[in-house]
Amino acid sequence: MRKWLMIVWLPLCVMLSCKNSDRIPGDILQPERMGKVLFALNMAEEFVSLYVAKDSARNKEQELEKEYQKVFLLYQVTKDEFEKSYEFYKKHPDIFKVMLDTLDARGQRRRIDLYQPAD
């Protein structure tokens, strides 16, 4: 009987004690949504650095913050939610790397589409 308990309980305890590191908590933006927000924030940064920063009458930091707020509104995310999610993904580089690789591929496809000669 004791041997049977060891055979059943030991694997069960091991399985229960192992936590799933790939599981994303409910209060964290899921990878697909987080990727979309990151992509849009990156586009906002590019817009400000390429167009807004050339206007010396404008404050680059203020303009960048305005663009960030537009992205957060568009994706219905608060700055705090985004920052909390960003910190989570930084602590889970395996998940973050996949998300960033997906963003890179998306950017490459978009670049190809933009610079492809028209027929």
N, C-alpha and C. Protein backbone atom coordinates (compact mmCIF):
# COMPACT_ATOMS: atom_id res chain seq x y z
N MET A 1 0.82 -1.21 0.00
CA MET A 1 0.00 0.00 0.00
C MET A 1 0.86 1.26 0.00
N ARG A 2 1.90 1.25 0.82
CA ARG A 2 2.79 2.41 0.90
C ARG A 2 3.49 2.65 -0.43
N LYS A 3 3.90 1.57 -1.07
CA LYS A 3 4.56 1.69 -2.37
C LYS A 3 3.59 2.28 -3.41
N TRP A 4 2.35 1.84 -3.36
CA TRP A 4 1.33 2.35 -4.27
C TRP A 4 1.13 3.85 -4.06
N LEU A 5 1.10 4.30 -2.82
CA LEU A 5 0.96 5.73 -2.52
C LEU A 5 2.13 6.53 -3.10
N MET A 6 3.31 6.00 -2.98
CA MET A 6 4.50 6.68 -3.53
C MET A 6 4.42 6.77 -5.05
N ILE A 7 3.95 5.70 -5.67
CA ILE A 7 3.86 5.68 -7.14
C ILE A 7 2.82 6.69 -7.62
N VAL A 8 1.75 6.86 -6.92
CA VAL A 8 0.68 7.77 -7.34
C VAL A 8 0.95 9.20 -6.88
N TRP A 9 1.31 9.38 -5.63
CA TRP A 9 1.43 10.73 -5.06
C TRP A 9 2.68 11.48 -5.51
N LEU A 10 3.77 10.80 -5.65
CA LEU A 10 5.01 11.49 -6.04
C LEU A 10 4.89 12.15 -7.42
N PRO A 11 4.47 11.42 -8.47
CA PRO A 11 4.30 12.12 -9.77
C PRO A 11 3.23 13.21 -9.72
N LEU A 12 2.17 12.96 -8.95
CA LEU A 12 1.12 13.97 -8.83
C LEU A 12 1.64 15.24 -8.17
N CYS A 13 2.41 15.08 -7.12
CA CYS A 13 3.00 16.24 -6.44
C CYS A 13 3.97 16.99 -7.35
N VAL A 14 4.75 16.25 -8.10
CA VAL A 14 5.70 16.89 -9.02
C VAL A 14 4.95 17.68 -10.09
N MET A 15 3.90 17.08 -10.63
CA MET A 15 3.12 17.77 -11.67
C MET A 15 2.46 19.02 -11.12
N LEU A 16 1.93 18.95 -9.93
CA LEU A 16 1.25 20.09 -9.34
C LEU A 16 2.22 21.19 -8.93
N SER A 17 3.44 20.81 -8.56
CA SER A 17 4.40 21.81 -8.11
C SER A 17 5.03 22.57 -9.27
N CYS A 18 5.05 21.96 -10.44
CA CYS A 18 5.61 22.63 -11.61
C CYS A 18 4.60 23.65 -12.11
N LYS A 19 5.06 24.87 -12.21
CA LYS A 19 4.13 25.87 -12.72
C LYS A 19 4.41 26.11 -14.19
N ASN A 20 3.40 26.48 -14.91
CA ASN A 20 3.51 26.72 -16.34
C ASN A 20 4.03 28.14 -16.55
N SER A 21 5.30 28.25 -16.95
CA SER A 21 5.90 29.58 -17.11
C SER A 21 5.39 30.29 -18.36
N ASP A 22 4.78 29.55 -19.29
CA ASP A 22 4.26 30.16 -20.51
C ASP A 22 2.85 30.72 -20.32
N ARG A 23 2.26 30.46 -19.17
CA ARG A 23 0.91 30.95 -18.91
C ARG A 23 0.96 32.44 -18.63
N ILE A 24 0.11 33.17 -19.30
CA ILE A 24 0.09 34.63 -19.16
C ILE A 24 -1.10 35.01 -18.30
N PRO A 25 -0.85 35.72 -17.19
CA PRO A 25 -1.94 36.11 -16.29
C PRO A 25 -3.00 36.94 -17.02
N GLY A 26 -4.20 36.93 -16.48
CA GLY A 26 -5.33 37.63 -17.10
C GLY A 26 -5.17 39.15 -17.12
N ASP A 27 -4.40 39.70 -16.19
CA ASP A 27 -4.24 41.16 -16.16
C ASP A 27 -3.09 41.65 -17.04
N ILE A 28 -2.51 40.74 -17.80
CA ILE A 28 -1.42 41.06 -18.73
C ILE A 28 -1.97 41.00 -20.15
N LEU A 29 -1.58 41.97 -20.98
CA LEU A 29 -2.01 41.95 -22.39
C LEU A 29 -1.50 40.68 -23.05
N GLN A 30 -2.37 40.00 -23.75
CA GLN A 30 -1.99 38.77 -24.44
C GLN A 30 -1.01 39.11 -25.57
N PRO A 31 -0.14 38.16 -25.96
CA PRO A 31 0.92 38.46 -26.92
C PRO A 31 0.45 39.12 -28.22
N GLU A 32 -0.65 38.66 -28.78
CA GLU A 32 -1.11 39.23 -30.05
C GLU A 32 -1.47 40.71 -29.88
N ARG A 33 -2.23 41.00 -28.84
CA ARG A 33 -2.63 42.39 -28.58
C ARG A 33 -1.43 43.25 -28.20
N MET A 34 -0.56 42.70 -27.35
CA MET A 34 0.64 43.43 -26.94
C MET A 34 1.51 43.73 -28.15
N GLY A 35 1.61 42.78 -29.06
CA GLY A 35 2.39 42.98 -30.27
C GLY A 35 1.84 44.11 -31.12
N LYS A 36 0.52 44.18 -31.23
CA LYS A 36 -0.11 45.25 -31.99
C LYS A 36 0.16 46.61 -31.36
N VAL A 37 0.08 46.66 -30.04
CA VAL A 37 0.35 47.93 -29.33
C VAL A 37 1.81 48.33 -29.51
N LEU A 38 2.72 47.39 -29.36
CA LEU A 38 4.15 47.69 -29.54
C LEU A 38 4.43 48.18 -30.96
N PHE A 39 3.81 47.54 -31.94
CA PHE A 39 4.02 47.95 -33.33
C PHE A 39 3.52 49.38 -33.55
N ALA A 40 2.34 49.68 -33.01
CA ALA A 40 1.77 51.02 -33.17
C ALA A 40 2.61 52.06 -32.43
N LEU A 41 3.13 51.72 -31.25
CA LEU A 41 3.99 52.65 -30.52
C LEU A 41 5.27 52.92 -31.29
N ASN A 42 5.80 51.87 -31.90
CA ASN A 42 7.00 52.03 -32.71
C ASN A 42 6.73 52.96 -33.89
N MET A 43 5.58 52.79 -34.52
CA MET A 43 5.21 53.65 -35.64
C MET A 43 5.05 55.10 -35.18
N ALA A 44 4.49 55.28 -33.99
CA ALA A 44 4.33 56.63 -33.43
C ALA A 44 5.69 57.27 -33.19
N GLU A 45 6.64 56.50 -32.67
CA GLU A 45 7.99 57.02 -32.45
C GLU A 45 8.64 57.43 -33.77
N GLU A 46 8.46 56.61 -34.79
CA GLU A 46 9.02 56.93 -36.10
C GLU A 46 8.39 58.20 -36.66
N PHE A 47 7.09 58.33 -36.53
CA PHE A 47 6.40 59.51 -37.00
C PHE A 47 6.95 60.77 -36.33
N VAL A 48 7.07 60.72 -35.02
CA VAL A 48 7.56 61.89 -34.28
C VAL A 48 9.00 62.20 -34.67
N SER A 49 9.84 61.17 -34.77
CA SER A 49 11.25 61.44 -35.08
C SER A 49 11.45 61.92 -36.52
N LEU A 50 10.61 61.47 -37.45
CA LEU A 50 10.79 61.86 -38.84
C LEU A 50 10.09 63.16 -39.22
N TYR A 51 8.94 63.42 -38.63
CA TYR A 51 8.15 64.57 -39.07
C TYR A 51 8.01 65.67 -38.02
N VAL A 52 7.64 65.29 -36.84
CA VAL A 52 7.37 66.29 -35.80
C VAL A 52 8.66 66.93 -35.29
N ALA A 53 9.71 66.14 -35.14
CA ALA A 53 10.96 66.66 -34.58
C ALA A 53 11.60 67.72 -35.48
N LYS A 54 11.25 67.73 -36.74
CA LYS A 54 11.81 68.73 -37.66
C LYS A 54 11.24 70.12 -37.41
N ASP A 55 10.10 70.17 -36.74
CA ASP A 55 9.47 71.45 -36.41
C ASP A 55 10.03 71.92 -35.07
N SER A 56 10.89 72.91 -35.10
CA SER A 56 11.56 73.36 -33.87
C SER A 56 10.61 74.02 -32.88
N ALA A 57 9.43 74.39 -33.31
CA ALA A 57 8.45 75.00 -32.40
C ALA A 57 7.75 73.95 -31.53
N ARG A 58 7.91 72.70 -31.86
CA ARG A 58 7.25 71.64 -31.11
C ARG A 58 8.23 70.94 -30.18
N ASN A 59 7.72 70.51 -29.04
CA ASN A 59 8.51 69.75 -28.08
C ASN A 59 8.38 68.27 -28.43
N LYS A 60 9.49 67.65 -28.77
CA LYS A 60 9.47 66.26 -29.22
C LYS A 60 8.88 65.33 -28.16
N GLU A 61 9.26 65.50 -26.90
CA GLU A 61 8.77 64.62 -25.83
C GLU A 61 7.26 64.76 -25.64
N GLN A 62 6.76 65.97 -25.68
CA GLN A 62 5.31 66.19 -25.53
C GLN A 62 4.55 65.58 -26.71
N GLU A 63 5.08 65.76 -27.90
CA GLU A 63 4.44 65.21 -29.09
C GLU A 63 4.44 63.68 -29.06
N LEU A 64 5.55 63.11 -28.59
CA LEU A 64 5.63 61.66 -28.49
C LEU A 64 4.61 61.14 -27.47
N GLU A 65 4.47 61.82 -26.35
CA GLU A 65 3.49 61.42 -25.34
C GLU A 65 2.06 61.50 -25.91
N LYS A 66 1.79 62.53 -26.71
CA LYS A 66 0.46 62.64 -27.34
C LYS A 66 0.21 61.46 -28.28
N GLU A 67 1.22 61.09 -29.04
CA GLU A 67 1.08 59.97 -29.97
C GLU A 67 0.88 58.65 -29.22
N TYR A 68 1.61 58.49 -28.11
CA TYR A 68 1.42 57.30 -27.27
C TYR A 68 -0.01 57.22 -26.77
N GLN A 69 -0.54 58.34 -26.31
CA GLN A 69 -1.91 58.36 -25.80
C GLN A 69 -2.92 57.98 -26.89
N LYS A 70 -2.65 58.42 -28.12
CA LYS A 70 -3.52 58.04 -29.23
C LYS A 70 -3.52 56.53 -29.44
N VAL A 71 -2.33 55.93 -29.34
CA VAL A 71 -2.22 54.48 -29.50
C VAL A 71 -2.97 53.77 -28.38
N PHE A 72 -2.77 54.23 -27.15
CA PHE A 72 -3.46 53.61 -26.02
C PHE A 72 -4.97 53.71 -26.17
N LEU A 73 -5.45 54.84 -26.64
CA LEU A 73 -6.89 55.00 -26.87
C LEU A 73 -7.37 54.06 -27.98
N LEU A 74 -6.61 53.99 -29.05
CA LEU A 74 -6.97 53.14 -30.18
C LEU A 74 -7.12 51.68 -29.76
N TYR A 75 -6.20 51.21 -28.94
CA TYR A 75 -6.21 49.81 -28.52
C TYR A 75 -6.89 49.60 -27.17
N GLN A 76 -7.48 50.65 -26.64
CA GLN A 76 -8.21 50.61 -25.36
C GLN A 76 -7.35 49.99 -24.26
N VAL A 77 -6.17 50.55 -24.10
CA VAL A 77 -5.20 50.10 -23.10
C VAL A 77 -4.75 51.33 -22.32
N THR A 78 -4.61 51.19 -21.02
CA THR A 78 -4.06 52.30 -20.25
C THR A 78 -2.54 52.21 -20.26
N LYS A 79 -1.91 53.30 -19.95
CA LYS A 79 -0.45 53.32 -19.88
C LYS A 79 0.03 52.34 -18.81
N ASP A 80 -0.68 52.30 -17.68
CA ASP A 80 -0.30 51.38 -16.60
C ASP A 80 -0.42 49.92 -17.02
N GLU A 81 -1.49 49.58 -17.75
CA GLU A 81 -1.66 48.21 -18.25
C GLU A 81 -0.52 47.84 -19.19
N PHE A 82 -0.18 48.77 -20.06
CA PHE A 82 0.90 48.52 -21.01
C PHE A 82 2.22 48.32 -20.27
N GLU A 83 2.52 49.22 -19.33
CA GLU A 83 3.80 49.13 -18.61
C GLU A 83 3.89 47.84 -17.79
N LYS A 84 2.79 47.45 -17.16
CA LYS A 84 2.77 46.21 -16.38
C LYS A 84 3.01 45.01 -17.31
N SER A 85 2.36 45.02 -18.45
CA SER A 85 2.52 43.95 -19.42
C SER A 85 3.95 43.92 -19.96
N TYR A 86 4.49 45.09 -20.25
CA TYR A 86 5.86 45.18 -20.77
C TYR A 86 6.86 44.60 -19.77
N GLU A 87 6.67 44.92 -18.50
CA GLU A 87 7.54 44.38 -17.45
C GLU A 87 7.42 42.86 -17.37
N PHE A 88 6.20 42.35 -17.49
CA PHE A 88 5.98 40.90 -17.48
C PHE A 88 6.76 40.25 -18.62
N TYR A 89 6.62 40.78 -19.82
CA TYR A 89 7.30 40.18 -20.98
C TYR A 89 8.81 40.30 -20.89
N LYS A 90 9.31 41.38 -20.29
CA LYS A 90 10.75 41.49 -20.10
C LYS A 90 11.27 40.40 -19.16
N LYS A 91 10.45 39.98 -18.21
CA LYS A 91 10.84 38.93 -17.28
C LYS A 91 10.65 37.53 -17.85
N HIS A 92 9.99 37.45 -19.01
CA HIS A 92 9.76 36.17 -19.70
C HIS A 92 10.30 36.28 -21.13
N PRO A 93 11.62 36.27 -21.26
CA PRO A 93 12.23 36.52 -22.58
C PRO A 93 11.86 35.50 -23.64
N ASP A 94 11.51 34.28 -23.24
CA ASP A 94 11.13 33.28 -24.25
C ASP A 94 9.85 33.70 -24.97
N ILE A 95 8.89 34.23 -24.23
CA ILE A 95 7.63 34.71 -24.83
C ILE A 95 7.88 36.02 -25.57
N PHE A 96 8.67 36.89 -24.96
CA PHE A 96 8.94 38.21 -25.53
C PHE A 96 9.67 38.08 -26.87
N LYS A 97 10.61 37.15 -26.95
CA LYS A 97 11.38 36.96 -28.18
C LYS A 97 10.46 36.55 -29.33
N VAL A 98 9.54 35.63 -29.07
CA VAL A 98 8.60 35.20 -30.11
C VAL A 98 7.76 36.38 -30.57
N MET A 99 7.30 37.20 -29.62
CA MET A 99 6.49 38.36 -29.96
C MET A 99 7.30 39.35 -30.80
N LEU A 100 8.54 39.61 -30.41
CA LEU A 100 9.37 40.56 -31.15
C LEU A 100 9.74 40.02 -32.53
N ASP A 101 9.96 38.72 -32.64
CA ASP A 101 10.23 38.12 -33.95
C ASP A 101 9.02 38.27 -34.87
N THR A 102 7.83 38.11 -34.30
CA THR A 102 6.60 38.29 -35.08
C THR A 102 6.48 39.74 -35.54
N LEU A 103 6.80 40.68 -34.65
CA LEU A 103 6.76 42.10 -35.01
C LEU A 103 7.76 42.41 -36.11
N ASP A 104 8.94 41.82 -36.01
CA ASP A 104 9.97 42.05 -37.02
C ASP A 104 9.49 41.53 -38.38
N ALA A 105 8.91 40.35 -38.39
CA ALA A 105 8.40 39.79 -39.66
C ALA A 105 7.29 40.67 -40.22
N ARG A 106 6.42 41.17 -39.36
CA ARG A 106 5.34 42.07 -39.80
C ARG A 106 5.92 43.34 -40.40
N GLY A 107 6.93 43.89 -39.75
CA GLY A 107 7.58 45.10 -40.27
C GLY A 107 8.25 44.86 -41.61
N GLN A 108 8.90 43.69 -41.74
CA GLN A 108 9.55 43.34 -43.01
C GLN A 108 8.52 43.24 -44.14
N ARG A 109 7.39 42.58 -43.85
CA ARG A 109 6.34 42.46 -44.88
C ARG A 109 5.79 43.83 -45.26
N ARG A 110 5.61 44.66 -44.27
CA ARG A 110 5.08 46.00 -44.54
C ARG A 110 6.07 46.82 -45.37
N ARG A 111 7.35 46.70 -45.05
CA ARG A 111 8.39 47.42 -45.80
C ARG A 111 8.41 46.95 -47.25
N ILE A 112 8.30 45.64 -47.45
CA ILE A 112 8.29 45.09 -48.81
C ILE A 112 7.08 45.63 -49.58
N ASP A 113 5.92 45.64 -48.92
CA ASP A 113 4.70 46.14 -49.57
C ASP A 113 4.83 47.61 -49.94
N LEU A 114 5.45 48.39 -49.06
CA LEU A 114 5.58 49.83 -49.32
C LEU A 114 6.55 50.14 -50.45
N TYR A 115 7.63 49.36 -50.54
CA TYR A 115 8.66 49.67 -51.52
C TYR A 115 8.60 48.82 -52.76
N GLN A 116 7.59 47.99 -52.88
CA GLN A 116 7.44 47.17 -54.07
C GLN A 116 6.93 48.06 -55.22
N PRO A 117 7.56 47.96 -56.37
CA PRO A 117 7.12 48.79 -57.50
C PRO A 117 5.69 48.48 -57.90
N ALA A 118 4.95 49.51 -58.26
CA ALA A 118 3.56 49.34 -58.70
C ALA A 118 3.55 48.75 -60.09
N ASP A 119 2.58 47.91 -60.35
CA ASP A 119 2.47 47.28 -61.69
C ASP A 119 1.85 48.24 -62.68
